[in-house]
Amino acid sequence: MRRWLTIALFLLILCSFGMASAADTTLTPTDQWTPPDLSALTADSEPQLLILQIAQEEIGYVEGPLPDESKYGEWFCGGRCAWCAEFLTWCVDQVDQRYGLQLLGNLYPRYGGPSTGVPFFIEKGRFISDNGKLPTKEKEWVIGSDHYLNANEYIPYVGDYIWFYYYNRTVGTDHVAIVEGVSVAEDGAIIIHVIEGNNPDCVQRAEYDLNDNRIYGFGTPVKRAYYNMRLYNQNDDVLALQQALIDNGYYEMEAGREGYFTEALLEAVKQVQRDLQLKPTGVVDKETHEAMEAADILPILLMD
């Protein structure tokens, strides 16, 4: 019991921090865009900027002498590997060491192989798909938005992770990078500036069009979106929902089911929907979520 209460408190603190300090997404013309100057950061700076600072310092690193041989792979697994994910994980670890933080495993995953990063961010409620739906098909909406997210609508923030797939979207991702900025080209295209490793053999800057059909989605360091919650979902948003319904007398926590959308939680949601004169579907969709916010059952988070 104490464990899930601690987790819920951590989530509330994290969300409050995120809403107050999210980086600006103001677009500049692509021909005028320059990388952010991160030389004056301190331990109190936003974590995603500290990670980006380390990534900037690594630009120009080249693997070798053997293919897929890198200090990032050696650090992560003691051998050779395709190292785009290991590069970012290494950057997080370097921030922890340099600034005395504990980001790795808490705010960011310790993962190698790009296919294992997205599930971490989904579990934390901090993944935004390029097509507006989670891999399990739940629709998403940006906090404060009046509609569900459309394909290619979300413009990433500085410090977001960005994933790509090259072969089969249903299988997962094939490459990951960190967003260094966004800009707008003369033709109106939104350009995402990234730092990436292992493409093909070095750490480098690169640019991608927001409409690039290889983009899979984004991992955010702070909460910027919600998605529909339904039976059998398991993530931190469900944990927050459980706590809210406990506080309002609709639900009692089931031992070992923290963060899991059970049948008992389904019935509790249906009762809330009846009380709010909504169709009792048991799905916490956008309409239900906003009605629960208006009734002070769920906390209201605002985007910067």
Protein backbone atom coordinates (compact mmCIF):
# COMPACT_ATOMS: atom_id res chain seq x y z
CA MET A 1 0.00 0.00 0.00
CA ARG A 2 2.78 2.42 0.96
CA ARG A 3 4.58 1.71 -2.33
CA TRP A 4 1.73 2.81 -4.62
CA LEU A 5 1.03 5.90 -2.51
CA THR A 6 4.68 6.87 -2.89
CA ILE A 7 4.48 6.36 -6.65
CA ALA A 8 1.31 8.44 -6.90
CA LEU A 9 2.94 11.29 -4.97
CA PHE A 10 5.99 11.15 -7.25
CA LEU A 11 3.74 11.35 -10.31
CA LEU A 12 1.93 14.39 -8.93
CA ILE A 13 5.21 16.17 -8.25
CA LEU A 14 6.58 15.26 -11.67
CA CYS A 15 3.47 16.48 -13.48
CA SER A 16 3.46 19.73 -11.54
CA PHE A 17 7.12 20.31 -12.45
CA GLY A 18 6.49 19.47 -16.07
CA MET A 19 3.55 21.77 -16.57
CA ALA A 20 5.49 24.70 -15.17
CA SER A 21 8.74 24.21 -17.03
CA ALA A 22 8.15 22.56 -20.40
CA ALA A 23 10.41 23.90 -23.13
CA ASP A 24 9.02 26.32 -25.68
CA THR A 25 8.07 25.03 -29.13
CA THR A 26 8.11 28.40 -30.90
CA LEU A 27 9.14 27.82 -34.50
CA THR A 28 11.87 29.79 -36.27
CA PRO A 29 12.65 29.68 -40.00
CA THR A 30 14.83 26.70 -40.81
CA ASP A 31 17.51 28.84 -42.45
CA GLN A 32 17.78 30.85 -39.20
CA TRP A 33 17.66 27.96 -36.75
CA THR A 34 20.70 27.41 -34.56
CA PRO A 35 21.30 24.76 -31.89
CA PRO A 36 20.47 25.87 -28.34
CA ASP A 37 23.39 27.07 -26.24
CA LEU A 38 23.40 24.82 -23.19
CA SER A 39 26.77 25.81 -21.78
CA ALA A 40 25.36 27.51 -18.66
CA LEU A 41 23.23 24.66 -17.36
CA THR A 42 23.29 23.61 -13.71
CA ALA A 43 21.94 20.66 -11.73
CA ASP A 44 18.68 22.61 -11.34
CA SER A 45 18.15 22.87 -15.12
CA GLU A 46 15.49 20.80 -16.84
CA PRO A 47 16.66 17.17 -17.07
CA GLN A 48 16.02 16.88 -20.81
CA LEU A 49 18.30 19.85 -21.44
CA LEU A 50 21.06 18.30 -19.34
CA ILE A 51 20.81 15.15 -21.45
CA LEU A 52 20.87 17.19 -24.64
CA GLN A 53 23.95 19.00 -23.36
CA ILE A 54 25.81 15.69 -23.08
CA ALA A 55 24.58 14.64 -26.52
CA GLN A 56 25.91 17.87 -28.03
CA GLU A 57 29.32 17.19 -26.51
CA GLU A 58 29.40 13.78 -28.23
CA ILE A 59 28.79 15.07 -31.78
CA GLY A 60 31.54 13.79 -34.05
CA TYR A 61 32.18 10.53 -32.19
CA VAL A 62 32.78 7.70 -34.69
CA GLU A 63 32.48 3.99 -33.95
CA GLY A 64 35.25 1.53 -34.64
CA PRO A 65 37.52 0.10 -35.58
CA LEU A 66 35.05 -2.77 -35.99
CA PRO A 67 31.43 -2.21 -37.16
CA ASP A 68 29.04 -1.48 -34.26
CA GLU A 69 31.97 -1.10 -31.89
CA SER A 70 31.36 1.93 -29.65
CA LYS A 71 32.01 3.14 -26.13
CA TYR A 72 28.24 3.29 -25.62
CA GLY A 73 27.71 -0.38 -26.45
CA GLU A 74 30.76 -1.35 -24.42
CA TRP A 75 29.39 0.58 -21.45
CA PHE A 76 25.91 -0.91 -21.80
CA CYS A 77 26.55 -4.56 -22.59
CA GLY A 78 30.29 -5.05 -22.79
CA GLY A 79 30.30 -5.65 -26.52
CA ARG A 80 29.33 -4.60 -30.02
CA CYS A 81 25.77 -3.62 -30.89
CA ALA A 82 23.70 -1.18 -32.92
CA TRP A 83 24.01 1.66 -30.45
CA CYS A 84 21.51 4.47 -31.07
CA ALA A 85 19.54 3.63 -27.91
CA GLU A 86 22.68 2.87 -25.90
CA PHE A 87 24.00 6.31 -26.83
CA LEU A 88 20.99 8.09 -25.29
CA THR A 89 21.01 5.84 -22.24
CA TRP A 90 24.71 6.61 -21.78
CA CYS A 91 23.93 10.34 -21.96
CA VAL A 92 21.37 9.98 -19.16
CA ASP A 93 23.90 8.10 -17.05
CA GLN A 94 26.48 10.83 -17.65
CA VAL A 95 23.99 13.45 -16.42
CA ASP A 96 23.42 11.40 -13.27
CA GLN A 97 27.14 11.19 -12.65
CA ARG A 98 27.91 14.82 -13.50
CA TYR A 99 25.05 16.40 -11.56
CA GLY A 100 24.33 13.85 -8.85
CA LEU A 101 20.85 13.02 -10.15
CA GLN A 102 18.91 9.75 -10.48
CA LEU A 103 17.20 10.04 -13.85
CA LEU A 104 18.12 6.62 -15.21
CA GLY A 105 15.42 4.10 -14.42
CA ASN A 106 13.10 6.78 -13.06
CA LEU A 107 12.51 9.55 -15.59
CA TYR A 108 14.26 7.69 -18.43
CA PRO A 109 14.67 3.99 -19.19
CA ARG A 110 17.90 2.06 -19.00
CA TYR A 111 17.54 0.35 -22.34
CA GLY A 112 19.49 -0.87 -25.29
CA GLY A 113 17.89 -1.72 -28.59
CA PRO A 114 15.40 0.93 -29.73
CA SER A 115 12.35 -1.34 -29.53
CA THR A 116 12.38 -1.39 -25.73
CA GLY A 117 12.17 2.35 -25.07
CA VAL A 118 8.59 3.08 -26.13
CA PRO A 119 6.99 0.67 -23.61
CA PHE A 120 8.69 2.53 -20.74
CA PHE A 121 7.24 5.86 -21.83
CA ILE A 122 3.80 4.33 -22.41
CA GLU A 123 3.83 2.90 -18.89
CA LYS A 124 4.75 6.32 -17.53
CA GLY A 125 2.01 8.04 -19.57
CA ARG A 126 4.57 10.05 -21.51
CA PHE A 127 4.46 8.64 -25.05
CA ILE A 128 2.86 10.51 -27.96
CA SER A 129 2.33 8.63 -31.19
CA ASP A 130 2.78 10.26 -34.58
CA ASN A 131 -0.65 8.93 -35.63
CA GLY A 132 -2.52 9.93 -32.47
CA LYS A 133 -3.00 6.37 -31.19
CA LEU A 134 -1.03 4.12 -28.91
CA PRO A 135 0.20 0.80 -30.33
CA THR A 136 -2.80 -0.73 -28.53
CA LYS A 137 -5.10 1.69 -30.45
CA GLU A 138 -6.15 4.01 -27.60
CA LYS A 139 -6.65 7.54 -28.92
CA GLU A 140 -4.62 10.42 -27.45
CA TRP A 141 -5.16 14.12 -26.88
CA VAL A 142 -2.73 16.84 -25.88
CA ILE A 143 -3.47 18.37 -22.47
CA GLY A 144 -5.68 21.43 -22.95
CA SER A 145 -6.65 20.49 -26.50
CA ASP A 146 -10.29 20.42 -27.61
CA HIS A 147 -9.87 17.38 -29.87
CA TYR A 148 -8.15 14.05 -30.19
CA LEU A 149 -4.68 14.19 -31.66
CA ASN A 150 -4.48 14.02 -35.45
CA ALA A 151 -1.70 12.29 -37.35
CA ASN A 152 1.51 14.36 -37.47
CA GLU A 153 -0.07 17.11 -35.34
CA TYR A 154 2.18 16.95 -32.29
CA ILE A 155 5.22 19.22 -32.60
CA PRO A 156 7.98 17.87 -30.35
CA TYR A 157 9.72 19.87 -27.67
CA VAL A 158 13.46 20.25 -27.17
CA GLY A 159 14.65 17.15 -25.34
CA ASP A 160 11.89 14.78 -26.49
CA TYR A 161 12.96 11.34 -27.65
CA ILE A 162 11.89 10.57 -31.23
CA TRP A 163 11.52 7.04 -32.60
CA PHE A 164 11.52 5.77 -36.17
CA TYR A 165 10.52 2.49 -37.79
CA TYR A 166 11.97 1.36 -41.10
CA TYR A 167 10.24 -1.94 -41.76
CA ASN A 168 7.04 -2.84 -39.88
CA ARG A 169 5.25 -0.46 -37.52
CA THR A 170 3.47 -3.29 -35.73
CA VAL A 171 6.79 -4.88 -34.77
CA GLY A 172 8.19 -1.75 -33.11
CA THR A 173 10.88 0.84 -33.60
CA ASP A 174 14.23 0.69 -35.37
CA HIS A 175 15.96 3.95 -34.44
CA VAL A 176 15.86 6.63 -31.75
CA ALA A 177 17.24 10.17 -31.43
CA ILE A 178 16.83 13.21 -29.19
CA VAL A 179 15.16 16.41 -30.42
CA GLU A 180 17.44 19.45 -30.42
CA GLY A 181 14.88 21.88 -31.88
CA VAL A 182 12.16 22.50 -34.43
CA SER A 183 11.86 24.99 -37.27
CA VAL A 184 9.64 25.82 -40.24
CA ALA A 185 10.89 25.61 -43.82
CA GLU A 186 9.95 28.06 -46.58
CA ASP A 187 7.31 25.65 -47.87
CA GLY A 188 5.72 25.43 -44.42
CA ALA A 189 7.11 22.03 -43.55
CA ILE A 190 7.95 21.50 -39.88
CA ILE A 191 11.56 20.36 -39.56
CA ILE A 192 12.72 18.40 -36.52
CA HIS A 193 16.40 18.83 -35.66
CA VAL A 194 17.89 15.88 -33.78
CA ILE A 195 21.09 14.43 -32.44
CA GLU A 196 21.39 10.73 -33.18
CA GLY A 197 23.89 7.93 -32.77
CA ASN A 198 24.71 5.01 -35.05
CA ASN A 199 23.37 6.56 -38.26
CA PRO A 200 25.26 5.21 -39.93
CA ASP A 201 28.35 5.02 -37.70
CA CYS A 202 28.67 8.25 -35.70
CA VAL A 203 26.98 10.78 -33.43
CA GLN A 204 25.65 13.56 -35.65
CA ARG A 205 23.00 16.19 -36.18
CA ALA A 206 20.20 15.36 -38.61
CA GLU A 207 16.90 16.81 -39.82
CA TYR A 208 13.55 15.11 -40.39
CA ASP A 209 10.26 16.41 -41.75
CA LEU A 210 7.45 16.11 -39.20
CA ASN A 211 5.45 14.31 -41.91
CA ASP A 212 8.19 11.73 -42.48
CA ASN A 213 6.30 8.43 -42.62
CA ARG A 214 9.10 6.69 -40.73
CA ILE A 215 8.39 8.58 -37.50
CA TYR A 216 6.80 6.33 -34.89
CA GLY A 217 6.30 8.73 -31.99
CA PHE A 218 7.85 10.69 -29.14
CA GLY A 219 8.82 10.15 -25.53
CA THR A 220 8.35 13.23 -23.36
CA PRO A 221 10.20 14.05 -20.13
CA VAL A 222 7.02 15.59 -18.69
CA LYS A 223 3.38 14.71 -19.19
CA ARG A 224 1.93 16.42 -22.26
CA ALA A 225 -0.93 14.15 -23.32
CA TYR A 226 -3.61 11.76 -22.10
CA TYR A 227 -5.01 8.70 -23.79
CA ASN A 228 -8.21 6.74 -23.37
CA MET A 229 -8.07 4.29 -20.48
CA ARG A 230 -9.92 0.99 -20.60
CA LEU A 231 -10.05 -2.51 -19.16
CA TYR A 232 -6.64 -4.25 -18.86
CA ASN A 233 -4.57 -1.11 -19.47
CA GLN A 234 -1.60 -0.88 -17.14
CA ASN A 235 0.25 2.40 -16.66
CA ASP A 236 0.79 5.30 -14.29
CA ASP A 237 -2.30 7.12 -15.59
CA VAL A 238 -4.40 4.19 -14.39
CA LEU A 239 -2.67 4.45 -11.02
CA ALA A 240 -3.59 8.13 -10.81
CA LEU A 241 -7.19 7.25 -11.78
CA GLN A 242 -7.36 4.64 -9.04
CA GLN A 243 -6.16 7.14 -6.46
CA ALA A 244 -8.68 9.74 -7.61
CA LEU A 245 -11.58 7.29 -7.36
CA ILE A 246 -10.39 6.14 -3.95
CA ASP A 247 -10.32 9.74 -2.76
CA ASN A 248 -13.87 10.23 -4.02
CA GLY A 249 -15.28 7.02 -2.54
CA TYR A 250 -15.80 5.11 -5.78
CA TYR A 251 -13.09 2.49 -5.49
CA GLU A 252 -10.95 0.51 -3.05
CA MET A 253 -7.46 -0.52 -4.09
CA GLU A 254 -7.07 -4.22 -4.86
CA ALA A 255 -3.90 -5.72 -3.47
CA GLY A 256 -1.28 -6.20 -6.16
CA ARG A 257 -3.38 -4.38 -8.80
CA GLU A 258 -1.87 -0.92 -8.50
CA GLY A 259 -1.83 0.76 -11.91
CA TYR A 260 -3.90 -2.02 -13.51
CA PHE A 261 -7.36 -1.37 -15.00
CA THR A 262 -9.33 -4.18 -13.39
CA GLU A 263 -12.95 -5.17 -13.72
CA ALA A 264 -13.60 -3.57 -10.32
CA LEU A 265 -12.13 -0.31 -11.60
CA LEU A 266 -14.29 -0.67 -14.71
CA GLU A 267 -17.42 -0.81 -12.56
CA ALA A 268 -16.24 2.19 -10.55
CA VAL A 269 -15.73 4.20 -13.73
CA LYS A 270 -19.21 3.23 -14.93
CA GLN A 271 -20.70 4.53 -11.68
CA VAL A 272 -18.83 7.80 -12.05
CA GLN A 273 -20.18 8.09 -15.60
CA ARG A 274 -23.73 7.48 -14.39
CA ASP A 275 -23.34 10.12 -11.71
CA LEU A 276 -22.05 12.56 -14.32
CA GLN A 277 -24.92 11.65 -16.68
CA LEU A 278 -22.60 10.07 -19.23
CA LYS A 279 -23.02 6.79 -21.05
CA PRO A 280 -21.59 4.11 -18.71
CA THR A 281 -19.03 2.55 -21.06
CA GLY A 282 -16.30 2.04 -18.47
CA VAL A 283 -13.82 3.70 -20.83
CA VAL A 284 -12.20 6.89 -19.59
CA ASP A 285 -12.29 8.73 -22.90
CA LYS A 286 -11.75 12.43 -23.46
CA GLU A 287 -15.35 13.34 -22.61
CA THR A 288 -15.29 11.32 -19.39
CA HIS A 289 -11.86 12.63 -18.40
CA GLU A 290 -12.94 16.25 -18.85
CA ALA A 291 -16.20 15.67 -17.00
CA MET A 292 -14.25 14.18 -14.11
CA GLU A 293 -11.94 17.20 -14.12
CA ALA A 294 -14.92 19.58 -14.06
CA ALA A 295 -16.38 17.64 -11.12
CA ASP A 296 -13.04 17.84 -9.24
CA ILE A 297 -12.65 14.08 -9.35
CA LEU A 298 -9.47 14.30 -11.41
CA PRO A 299 -6.86 17.08 -11.13
CA ILE A 300 -6.64 19.53 -14.00
CA LEU A 301 -3.24 19.82 -15.65
CA LEU A 302 -2.47 22.73 -17.94
CA MET A 303 0.11 22.88 -20.71
CA ASP A 304 2.59 25.74 -20.57
